[in-house]
Structures are given as structure tokens and as C-alpha cells.
Amino acid sequence: MSPKTPKESVTILTDLVLPAETNPLNNLFGGELLARMDRACSIAARRHSRRIVVTASVNHVSFAKAVPVGSVVTVEAKVSRAFKSSMEVYVDVWIEDRESGLRTRANEGIYTFVAVDETGSPVPVAQIIPETALEKERFDGALRRKQLSLILSGKMDPHNATELKALFS
């Protein structure tokens, strides 16, 4: 299986925030934004693996900025690292200023997907070759995030988390 670059999985979803999707402060519901992020990440993981993919975990979500009604919101996702059958997908959420057209990053998230066959059994995926500085940073961080997750779930002995331990050496 040939390695792929993150740009091969890029997924961009752009939409308008409508009143029915907002809370009493007229900002996009967090759950609505999570659904959009999950869809974009799912497509990115599917593009990378060319398989059925399932959401294994939502590792991180940051709601740094509210997304007001009427905003144009763009969700950009791409695979940051692939492991045996799982893929970490990094997602950035941008809002566009109505008057200037300038985009501001409002939120971000990190999801994990697993590629599966028609019976739901995990299948191998191609590795990632990061190209840009940001892709390399996210690629390197993905292994540390995975090790931390495995430690917290009791599936890895902290002494074996070499990448994570290197941060403190």
C-alpha cells in the first residue's frame, strides 16, 4: 500500500449558519458544529483509506470563538497521521467576516477514525507522508496524543510511551 500525503484527504465543507441551528444567544449550537466537523473528518478519512470508516473517538475540540447566526462557516479536515487501521484527522473551523470577507479560525478538533470492511472488522490503511511544516507538526503530535490516550485508557504502560516521555527529558 503506497503512502499518501495529507492533501489527498483534504475535505472542505462551507455552509451558512441558519436561525434554527442557533442557541438563545444566536450562536451555532455546539452539537451542530460537532456534527459538521464529524462529517468533514469522516470524508477525509474515507478519502485516505478508500474504505468504510467509523468514528472511534473525538480526542479534542476547542470552542474558541462563537459562530453567530448568518455566518459563513467553513470546516476543513485532513488526515494528520495514519496508524495500522486508524487515522487521526485534524479539523479547523473558520468563520468569514460578512463585510471584509476575512477568515478567522474559530474552532479546531482532532478525531480518530478506523477503516473497516463490510463486516466492521478493521483493515490496514496507507501511511501518511507530511509535506508542510504544519503537517509535520501535527504528524509528530499525533503519536504523542495516541500514546497519552492509550495510557489514560489503561492500554499502555506509561514507561513504554517513548514519544511522550521525550517531552519531559
N, C-alpha and C. Protein backbone atom coordinates (compact mmCIF):
# COMPACT_ATOMS: atom_id res chain seq x y z
N MET A 1 0.85 -1.17 0.00
CA MET A 1 0.00 0.00 0.00
C MET A 1 0.90 1.24 0.00
N SER A 2 0.73 2.09 -0.98
CA SER A 2 1.58 3.28 -1.12
C SER A 2 1.18 4.36 -0.13
N PRO A 3 2.17 5.02 0.48
CA PRO A 3 1.86 6.13 1.38
C PRO A 3 1.17 7.27 0.63
N LYS A 4 0.46 8.09 1.37
CA LYS A 4 -0.26 9.23 0.80
C LYS A 4 0.12 10.49 1.55
N THR A 5 -0.18 11.61 0.96
CA THR A 5 0.05 12.90 1.62
C THR A 5 -1.25 13.38 2.24
N PRO A 6 -1.17 14.24 3.25
CA PRO A 6 -2.39 14.77 3.85
C PRO A 6 -3.30 15.50 2.85
N LYS A 7 -2.70 16.17 1.86
CA LYS A 7 -3.53 16.94 0.92
C LYS A 7 -4.47 16.05 0.10
N GLU A 8 -4.14 14.76 0.00
CA GLU A 8 -5.01 13.84 -0.74
C GLU A 8 -6.34 13.59 -0.03
N SER A 9 -6.40 13.92 1.25
CA SER A 9 -7.63 13.69 2.03
C SER A 9 -8.38 14.99 2.35
N VAL A 10 -7.87 16.11 1.90
CA VAL A 10 -8.48 17.40 2.26
C VAL A 10 -9.96 17.41 1.93
N THR A 11 -10.74 17.85 2.91
CA THR A 11 -12.19 17.98 2.76
C THR A 11 -12.59 19.35 3.28
N ILE A 12 -13.32 20.09 2.46
CA ILE A 12 -13.76 21.43 2.84
C ILE A 12 -15.27 21.51 2.68
N LEU A 13 -15.95 21.79 3.79
CA LEU A 13 -17.40 21.97 3.79
C LEU A 13 -17.69 23.42 4.17
N THR A 14 -18.44 24.12 3.33
CA THR A 14 -18.81 25.50 3.62
C THR A 14 -20.32 25.61 3.65
N ASP A 15 -20.83 26.32 4.66
CA ASP A 15 -22.28 26.42 4.82
C ASP A 15 -22.61 27.72 5.54
N LEU A 16 -23.87 28.04 5.56
CA LEU A 16 -24.39 29.22 6.23
C LEU A 16 -25.05 28.80 7.53
N VAL A 17 -24.85 29.57 8.59
CA VAL A 17 -25.49 29.28 9.88
C VAL A 17 -26.88 29.90 9.86
N LEU A 18 -27.90 29.05 9.97
CA LEU A 18 -29.29 29.48 9.93
C LEU A 18 -29.87 29.61 11.33
N PRO A 19 -30.93 30.42 11.49
CA PRO A 19 -31.51 30.65 12.82
C PRO A 19 -31.93 29.38 13.56
N ALA A 20 -32.43 28.38 12.85
CA ALA A 20 -32.88 27.15 13.51
C ALA A 20 -31.73 26.33 14.10
N GLU A 21 -30.49 26.68 13.75
CA GLU A 21 -29.31 25.95 14.21
C GLU A 21 -28.61 26.66 15.36
N THR A 22 -29.27 27.69 15.91
CA THR A 22 -28.60 28.51 16.93
C THR A 22 -29.25 28.41 18.30
N ASN A 23 -28.48 28.80 19.30
CA ASN A 23 -28.94 28.81 20.68
C ASN A 23 -29.60 30.16 21.00
N PRO A 24 -30.05 30.38 22.23
CA PRO A 24 -30.69 31.67 22.57
C PRO A 24 -29.80 32.90 22.41
N LEU A 25 -28.47 32.69 22.29
CA LEU A 25 -27.56 33.82 22.06
C LEU A 25 -27.32 34.05 20.57
N ASN A 26 -28.06 33.32 19.74
CA ASN A 26 -27.94 33.40 18.28
C ASN A 26 -26.58 32.95 17.76
N ASN A 27 -25.99 31.98 18.47
CA ASN A 27 -24.74 31.35 18.02
C ASN A 27 -25.02 29.90 17.68
N LEU A 28 -24.25 29.36 16.75
CA LEU A 28 -24.40 27.98 16.31
C LEU A 28 -24.31 27.04 17.51
N PHE A 29 -25.26 26.11 17.63
CA PHE A 29 -25.21 25.09 18.67
C PHE A 29 -23.90 24.32 18.57
N GLY A 30 -23.27 24.02 19.71
CA GLY A 30 -22.04 23.25 19.72
C GLY A 30 -22.23 21.88 19.08
N GLY A 31 -23.37 21.25 19.34
CA GLY A 31 -23.64 19.93 18.76
C GLY A 31 -23.77 19.97 17.25
N GLU A 32 -24.34 21.05 16.74
CA GLU A 32 -24.44 21.22 15.29
C GLU A 32 -23.04 21.36 14.68
N LEU A 33 -22.19 22.13 15.34
CA LEU A 33 -20.82 22.28 14.84
C LEU A 33 -20.07 20.94 14.90
N LEU A 34 -20.26 20.20 16.00
CA LEU A 34 -19.61 18.88 16.12
C LEU A 34 -20.05 17.95 15.00
N ALA A 35 -21.33 17.99 14.64
CA ALA A 35 -21.83 17.13 13.55
C ALA A 35 -21.16 17.51 12.23
N ARG A 36 -21.02 18.79 11.97
CA ARG A 36 -20.36 19.24 10.74
C ARG A 36 -18.90 18.81 10.73
N MET A 37 -18.25 18.96 11.88
CA MET A 37 -16.85 18.56 11.98
C MET A 37 -16.70 17.05 11.76
N ASP A 38 -17.59 16.26 12.36
CA ASP A 38 -17.53 14.81 12.21
C ASP A 38 -17.73 14.40 10.77
N ARG A 39 -18.66 15.05 10.07
CA ARG A 39 -18.90 14.72 8.66
C ARG A 39 -17.66 15.01 7.81
N ALA A 40 -17.06 16.19 8.01
CA ALA A 40 -15.87 16.54 7.23
C ALA A 40 -14.72 15.58 7.53
N CYS A 41 -14.53 15.25 8.80
CA CYS A 41 -13.46 14.31 9.18
C CYS A 41 -13.71 12.93 8.60
N SER A 42 -14.97 12.52 8.60
CA SER A 42 -15.33 11.22 8.05
C SER A 42 -14.99 11.14 6.56
N ILE A 43 -15.30 12.19 5.84
CA ILE A 43 -14.99 12.21 4.40
C ILE A 43 -13.48 12.19 4.18
N ALA A 44 -12.74 12.95 4.99
CA ALA A 44 -11.28 12.96 4.86
C ALA A 44 -10.71 11.57 5.11
N ALA A 45 -11.17 10.91 6.16
CA ALA A 45 -10.69 9.56 6.48
C ALA A 45 -11.06 8.57 5.38
N ARG A 46 -12.24 8.73 4.84
CA ARG A 46 -12.68 7.85 3.75
C ARG A 46 -11.85 8.08 2.49
N ARG A 47 -11.54 9.35 2.21
CA ARG A 47 -10.70 9.64 1.05
C ARG A 47 -9.31 9.03 1.22
N HIS A 48 -8.79 9.07 2.44
CA HIS A 48 -7.46 8.50 2.67
C HIS A 48 -7.48 6.98 2.54
N SER A 49 -8.44 6.35 3.18
CA SER A 49 -8.45 4.89 3.25
C SER A 49 -9.18 4.22 2.10
N ARG A 50 -10.09 4.94 1.45
CA ARG A 50 -10.96 4.37 0.42
C ARG A 50 -11.73 3.17 0.95
N ARG A 51 -12.12 3.28 2.23
CA ARG A 51 -12.87 2.22 2.91
C ARG A 51 -14.01 2.86 3.69
N ILE A 52 -14.87 2.02 4.24
CA ILE A 52 -15.86 2.48 5.20
C ILE A 52 -15.08 2.93 6.43
N VAL A 53 -15.47 4.04 7.04
CA VAL A 53 -14.78 4.50 8.25
C VAL A 53 -15.80 4.75 9.35
N VAL A 54 -15.36 4.54 10.58
CA VAL A 54 -16.21 4.80 11.73
C VAL A 54 -15.47 5.71 12.69
N THR A 55 -16.22 6.57 13.36
CA THR A 55 -15.62 7.47 14.35
C THR A 55 -15.26 6.64 15.57
N ALA A 56 -13.98 6.63 15.90
CA ALA A 56 -13.52 5.89 17.09
C ALA A 56 -13.52 6.79 18.31
N SER A 57 -13.12 8.05 18.12
CA SER A 57 -13.11 8.98 19.24
C SER A 57 -13.03 10.42 18.75
N VAL A 58 -13.52 11.29 19.60
CA VAL A 58 -13.32 12.72 19.43
C VAL A 58 -12.30 13.07 20.51
N ASN A 59 -11.07 13.28 20.08
CA ASN A 59 -9.96 13.43 21.02
C ASN A 59 -9.86 14.82 21.61
N HIS A 60 -10.25 15.80 20.83
CA HIS A 60 -10.11 17.18 21.28
C HIS A 60 -11.05 18.06 20.45
N VAL A 61 -11.72 18.96 21.12
CA VAL A 61 -12.49 20.00 20.44
C VAL A 61 -12.31 21.28 21.24
N SER A 62 -12.03 22.34 20.52
CA SER A 62 -11.87 23.64 21.15
C SER A 62 -12.89 24.59 20.57
N PHE A 63 -13.77 25.09 21.43
CA PHE A 63 -14.75 26.10 21.01
C PHE A 63 -14.18 27.46 21.41
N ALA A 64 -13.26 27.96 20.62
CA ALA A 64 -12.56 29.20 20.96
C ALA A 64 -13.38 30.44 20.66
N LYS A 65 -14.22 30.37 19.65
CA LYS A 65 -14.97 31.55 19.23
C LYS A 65 -16.37 31.14 18.82
N ALA A 66 -17.36 31.91 19.25
CA ALA A 66 -18.75 31.63 18.88
C ALA A 66 -18.94 31.85 17.38
N VAL A 67 -19.86 31.10 16.81
CA VAL A 67 -20.18 31.22 15.39
C VAL A 67 -21.58 31.80 15.29
N PRO A 68 -21.71 33.10 15.01
CA PRO A 68 -23.02 33.75 15.02
C PRO A 68 -23.92 33.38 13.84
N VAL A 69 -25.21 33.51 14.07
CA VAL A 69 -26.20 33.29 13.01
C VAL A 69 -25.84 34.15 11.80
N GLY A 70 -26.03 33.59 10.63
CA GLY A 70 -25.71 34.32 9.41
C GLY A 70 -24.27 34.18 8.96
N SER A 71 -23.43 33.58 9.78
CA SER A 71 -22.02 33.42 9.41
C SER A 71 -21.86 32.38 8.31
N VAL A 72 -20.86 32.62 7.49
CA VAL A 72 -20.40 31.59 6.58
C VAL A 72 -19.34 30.82 7.35
N VAL A 73 -19.56 29.53 7.54
CA VAL A 73 -18.65 28.70 8.31
C VAL A 73 -18.04 27.65 7.38
N THR A 74 -16.72 27.51 7.48
CA THR A 74 -16.00 26.54 6.65
C THR A 74 -15.28 25.57 7.56
N VAL A 75 -15.49 24.29 7.32
CA VAL A 75 -14.87 23.23 8.09
C VAL A 75 -13.87 22.54 7.16
N GLU A 76 -12.59 22.54 7.56
CA GLU A 76 -11.53 21.95 6.76
C GLU A 76 -10.88 20.81 7.53
N ALA A 77 -10.91 19.63 6.94
CA ALA A 77 -10.35 18.44 7.61
C ALA A 77 -9.36 17.74 6.70
N LYS A 78 -8.34 17.14 7.33
CA LYS A 78 -7.43 16.27 6.58
C LYS A 78 -6.73 15.32 7.55
N VAL A 79 -6.37 14.17 7.03
CA VAL A 79 -5.71 13.16 7.86
C VAL A 79 -4.33 13.68 8.24
N SER A 80 -4.04 13.64 9.54
CA SER A 80 -2.75 14.12 10.02
C SER A 80 -1.75 12.97 10.24
N ARG A 81 -2.28 11.77 10.52
CA ARG A 81 -1.41 10.60 10.68
C ARG A 81 -2.26 9.34 10.57
N ALA A 82 -1.65 8.30 10.03
CA ALA A 82 -2.31 7.00 9.95
C ALA A 82 -1.50 6.00 10.74
N PHE A 83 -2.20 5.12 11.42
CA PHE A 83 -1.56 4.05 12.17
C PHE A 83 -1.90 2.73 11.47
N LYS A 84 -2.15 1.67 12.17
CA LYS A 84 -2.42 0.39 11.50
C LYS A 84 -3.74 0.45 10.72
N SER A 85 -4.83 0.68 11.42
CA SER A 85 -6.13 0.81 10.76
C SER A 85 -6.82 2.12 11.14
N SER A 86 -6.20 2.86 12.03
CA SER A 86 -6.81 4.12 12.48
C SER A 86 -6.12 5.32 11.85
N MET A 87 -6.86 6.41 11.82
CA MET A 87 -6.36 7.66 11.27
C MET A 87 -6.74 8.79 12.19
N GLU A 88 -5.77 9.65 12.48
CA GLU A 88 -6.08 10.88 13.20
C GLU A 88 -6.42 11.93 12.14
N VAL A 89 -7.53 12.62 12.35
CA VAL A 89 -7.96 13.66 11.42
C VAL A 89 -8.04 14.97 12.18
N TYR A 90 -7.34 15.96 11.69
CA TYR A 90 -7.34 17.29 12.30
C TYR A 90 -8.32 18.15 11.54
N VAL A 91 -9.12 18.91 12.25
CA VAL A 91 -10.14 19.75 11.61
C VAL A 91 -10.05 21.17 12.14
N ASP A 92 -10.09 22.12 11.22
CA ASP A 92 -10.11 23.54 11.56
C ASP A 92 -11.44 24.13 11.11
N VAL A 93 -12.00 25.01 11.94
CA VAL A 93 -13.27 25.67 11.61
C VAL A 93 -13.00 27.16 11.46
N TRP A 94 -13.43 27.70 10.34
CA TRP A 94 -13.22 29.11 10.01
C TRP A 94 -14.54 29.82 9.87
N ILE A 95 -14.59 31.07 10.31
CA ILE A 95 -15.77 31.90 10.03
C ILE A 95 -15.32 33.08 9.19
N GLU A 96 -16.20 33.47 8.32
CA GLU A 96 -15.90 34.54 7.37
C GLU A 96 -16.62 35.81 7.79
N ASP A 97 -15.88 36.90 7.88
CA ASP A 97 -16.48 38.18 8.21
C ASP A 97 -17.41 38.60 7.07
N ARG A 98 -18.62 38.99 7.41
CA ARG A 98 -19.62 39.33 6.38
C ARG A 98 -19.20 40.49 5.51
N GLU A 99 -18.54 41.47 6.10
CA GLU A 99 -18.21 42.69 5.34
C GLU A 99 -16.85 42.60 4.65
N SER A 100 -15.82 42.15 5.37
CA SER A 100 -14.47 42.16 4.79
C SER A 100 -14.15 40.88 4.02
N GLY A 101 -14.84 39.79 4.37
CA GLY A 101 -14.54 38.50 3.75
C GLY A 101 -13.35 37.80 4.38
N LEU A 102 -12.73 38.44 5.40
CA LEU A 102 -11.58 37.83 6.07
C LEU A 102 -12.03 36.61 6.87
N ARG A 103 -11.19 35.58 6.84
CA ARG A 103 -11.50 34.36 7.58
C ARG A 103 -10.73 34.34 8.89
N THR A 104 -11.42 33.90 9.96
CA THR A 104 -10.81 33.76 11.28
C THR A 104 -11.02 32.32 11.73
N ARG A 105 -9.96 31.71 12.27
CA ARG A 105 -10.13 30.36 12.81
C ARG A 105 -10.89 30.47 14.11
N ALA A 106 -12.01 29.79 14.18
CA ALA A 106 -12.89 29.87 15.34
C ALA A 106 -12.76 28.66 16.25
N ASN A 107 -12.52 27.49 15.66
CA ASN A 107 -12.50 26.25 16.44
C ASN A 107 -11.59 25.24 15.76
N GLU A 108 -11.24 24.20 16.52
CA GLU A 108 -10.46 23.11 15.96
C GLU A 108 -10.83 21.83 16.68
N GLY A 109 -10.47 20.73 16.07
CA GLY A 109 -10.74 19.45 16.70
C GLY A 109 -9.83 18.37 16.15
N ILE A 110 -9.75 17.28 16.90
CA ILE A 110 -8.97 16.12 16.48
C ILE A 110 -9.85 14.89 16.69
N TYR A 111 -10.07 14.17 15.61
CA TYR A 111 -10.91 12.98 15.63
C TYR A 111 -10.07 11.77 15.26
N THR A 112 -10.50 10.59 15.69
CA THR A 112 -9.87 9.35 15.26
C THR A 112 -10.92 8.49 14.58
N PHE A 113 -10.56 8.00 13.40
CA PHE A 113 -11.43 7.11 12.64
C PHE A 113 -10.72 5.79 12.41
N VAL A 114 -11.48 4.74 12.26
CA VAL A 114 -10.95 3.42 11.94
C VAL A 114 -11.57 2.97 10.62
N ALA A 115 -10.71 2.48 9.72
CA ALA A 115 -11.19 1.92 8.46
C ALA A 115 -11.62 0.48 8.71
N VAL A 116 -12.79 0.13 8.16
CA VAL A 116 -13.33 -1.21 8.37
C VAL A 116 -13.81 -1.80 7.04
N ASP A 117 -13.95 -3.13 7.04
CA ASP A 117 -14.52 -3.80 5.88
C ASP A 117 -16.03 -3.88 6.04
N GLU A 118 -16.68 -4.59 5.15
CA GLU A 118 -18.16 -4.67 5.15
C GLU A 118 -18.72 -5.39 6.38
N THR A 119 -17.87 -6.12 7.11
CA THR A 119 -18.33 -6.79 8.33
C THR A 119 -18.01 -5.99 9.58
N GLY A 120 -17.35 -4.83 9.40
CA GLY A 120 -17.00 -3.99 10.54
C GLY A 120 -15.64 -4.31 11.15
N SER A 121 -14.88 -5.19 10.52
CA SER A 121 -13.55 -5.53 11.02
C SER A 121 -12.52 -4.52 10.52
N PRO A 122 -11.61 -4.08 11.40
CA PRO A 122 -10.59 -3.11 10.98
C PRO A 122 -9.72 -3.64 9.84
N VAL A 123 -9.35 -2.71 8.95
CA VAL A 123 -8.48 -3.04 7.83
C VAL A 123 -7.31 -2.06 7.79
N PRO A 124 -6.17 -2.46 7.25
CA PRO A 124 -5.00 -1.57 7.20
C PRO A 124 -5.24 -0.36 6.31
N VAL A 125 -4.55 0.72 6.64
CA VAL A 125 -4.62 1.94 5.84
C VAL A 125 -3.20 2.37 5.46
N ALA A 126 -3.12 3.16 4.41
CA ALA A 126 -1.83 3.68 3.95
C ALA A 126 -1.26 4.66 4.96
N GLN A 127 0.05 4.72 5.03
CA GLN A 127 0.72 5.67 5.92
C GLN A 127 0.67 7.07 5.31
N ILE A 128 1.00 8.06 6.12
CA ILE A 128 0.98 9.47 5.71
C ILE A 128 2.41 9.98 5.59
N ILE A 129 2.64 10.78 4.57
CA ILE A 129 3.91 11.49 4.42
C ILE A 129 3.59 12.98 4.49
N PRO A 130 3.85 13.61 5.64
CA PRO A 130 3.55 15.04 5.76
C PRO A 130 4.50 15.87 4.90
N GLU A 131 4.00 16.98 4.37
CA GLU A 131 4.82 17.81 3.49
C GLU A 131 5.11 19.19 4.08
N THR A 132 4.10 19.87 4.59
CA THR A 132 4.30 21.23 5.10
C THR A 132 4.75 21.20 6.55
N ALA A 133 5.21 22.34 7.04
CA ALA A 133 5.64 22.44 8.44
C ALA A 133 4.48 22.11 9.38
N LEU A 134 3.29 22.62 9.09
CA LEU A 134 2.12 22.35 9.95
C LEU A 134 1.76 20.87 9.90
N GLU A 135 1.80 20.26 8.72
CA GLU A 135 1.51 18.84 8.61
C GLU A 135 2.51 18.01 9.39
N LYS A 136 3.77 18.39 9.36
CA LYS A 136 4.81 17.67 10.12
C LYS A 136 4.60 17.83 11.62
N GLU A 137 4.21 19.02 12.04
CA GLU A 137 3.94 19.26 13.47
C GLU A 137 2.77 18.41 13.94
N ARG A 138 1.70 18.39 13.15
CA ARG A 138 0.52 17.59 13.53
C ARG A 138 0.82 16.10 13.46
N PHE A 139 1.60 15.68 12.49
CA PHE A 139 2.01 14.28 12.35
C PHE A 139 2.78 13.83 13.58
N ASP A 140 3.78 14.62 13.99
CA ASP A 140 4.58 14.27 15.17
C ASP A 140 3.73 14.25 16.43
N GLY A 141 2.85 15.21 16.58
CA GLY A 141 1.99 15.28 17.76
C GLY A 141 1.00 14.14 17.85
N ALA A 142 0.63 13.58 16.71
CA ALA A 142 -0.37 12.51 16.69
C ALA A 142 0.08 11.28 17.48
N LEU A 143 1.35 10.93 17.37
CA LEU A 143 1.85 9.76 18.12
C LEU A 143 1.83 10.03 19.62
N ARG A 144 2.19 11.24 20.02
CA ARG A 144 2.13 11.58 21.45
C ARG A 144 0.68 11.55 21.95
N ARG A 145 -0.24 12.09 21.14
CA ARG A 145 -1.65 12.08 21.53
C ARG A 145 -2.17 10.65 21.64
N LYS A 146 -1.75 9.80 20.71
CA LYS A 146 -2.19 8.39 20.76
C LYS A 146 -1.64 7.71 22.00
N GLN A 147 -0.36 7.93 22.30
CA GLN A 147 0.21 7.31 23.49
C GLN A 147 -0.49 7.79 24.76
N LEU A 148 -0.79 9.07 24.85
CA LEU A 148 -1.49 9.59 26.02
C LEU A 148 -2.87 8.95 26.15
N SER A 149 -3.57 8.83 25.04
CA SER A 149 -4.89 8.20 25.05
C SER A 149 -4.80 6.74 25.52
N LEU A 150 -3.80 6.03 25.03
CA LEU A 150 -3.63 4.62 25.43
C LEU A 150 -3.28 4.49 26.91
N ILE A 151 -2.48 5.42 27.42
CA ILE A 151 -2.14 5.40 28.85
C ILE A 151 -3.39 5.66 29.68
N LEU A 152 -4.16 6.69 29.30
CA LEU A 152 -5.35 7.05 30.06
C LEU A 152 -6.41 5.95 30.04
N SER A 153 -6.44 5.16 28.97
CA SER A 153 -7.41 4.07 28.89
C SER A 153 -6.89 2.78 29.50
N GLY A 154 -5.66 2.81 30.01
CA GLY A 154 -5.07 1.64 30.64
C GLY A 154 -4.54 0.62 29.64
N LYS A 155 -4.41 1.00 28.37
CA LYS A 155 -3.94 0.06 27.34
C LYS A 155 -2.44 0.16 27.08
N MET A 156 -1.77 1.11 27.75
CA MET A 156 -0.32 1.24 27.58
C MET A 156 0.32 1.58 28.91
N ASP A 157 1.43 0.95 29.17
CA ASP A 157 2.21 1.27 30.36
C ASP A 157 2.92 2.60 30.10
N PRO A 158 2.80 3.58 30.99
CA PRO A 158 3.45 4.88 30.77
C PRO A 158 4.95 4.79 30.48
N HIS A 159 5.59 3.76 31.01
CA HIS A 159 7.04 3.60 30.77
C HIS A 159 7.35 3.28 29.31
N ASN A 160 6.36 2.80 28.57
CA ASN A 160 6.57 2.46 27.16
C ASN A 160 6.23 3.61 26.22
N ALA A 161 5.78 4.71 26.74
CA ALA A 161 5.38 5.85 25.92
C ALA A 161 6.59 6.71 25.59
N THR A 162 7.44 6.22 24.72
CA THR A 162 8.71 6.87 24.42
C THR A 162 8.54 8.29 23.87
N GLU A 163 7.61 8.49 22.97
CA GLU A 163 7.40 9.82 22.38
C GLU A 163 6.92 10.81 23.43
N LEU A 164 6.06 10.36 24.29
CA LEU A 164 5.51 11.22 25.34
C LEU A 164 6.60 11.53 26.38
N LYS A 165 7.37 10.54 26.75
CA LYS A 165 8.44 10.73 27.73
C LYS A 165 9.50 11.71 27.21
N ALA A 166 9.71 11.71 25.91
CA ALA A 166 10.73 12.58 25.31
C ALA A 166 10.42 14.06 25.54
N LEU A 167 9.16 14.40 25.75
CA LEU A 167 8.77 15.79 26.02
C LEU A 167 9.33 16.28 27.34
N PHE A 168 9.57 15.34 28.26
CA PHE A 168 9.98 15.71 29.61
C PHE A 168 11.46 15.44 29.87
N SER A 169 12.18 15.03 28.85
CA SER A 169 13.61 14.72 29.01
C SER A 169 14.46 15.94 28.76
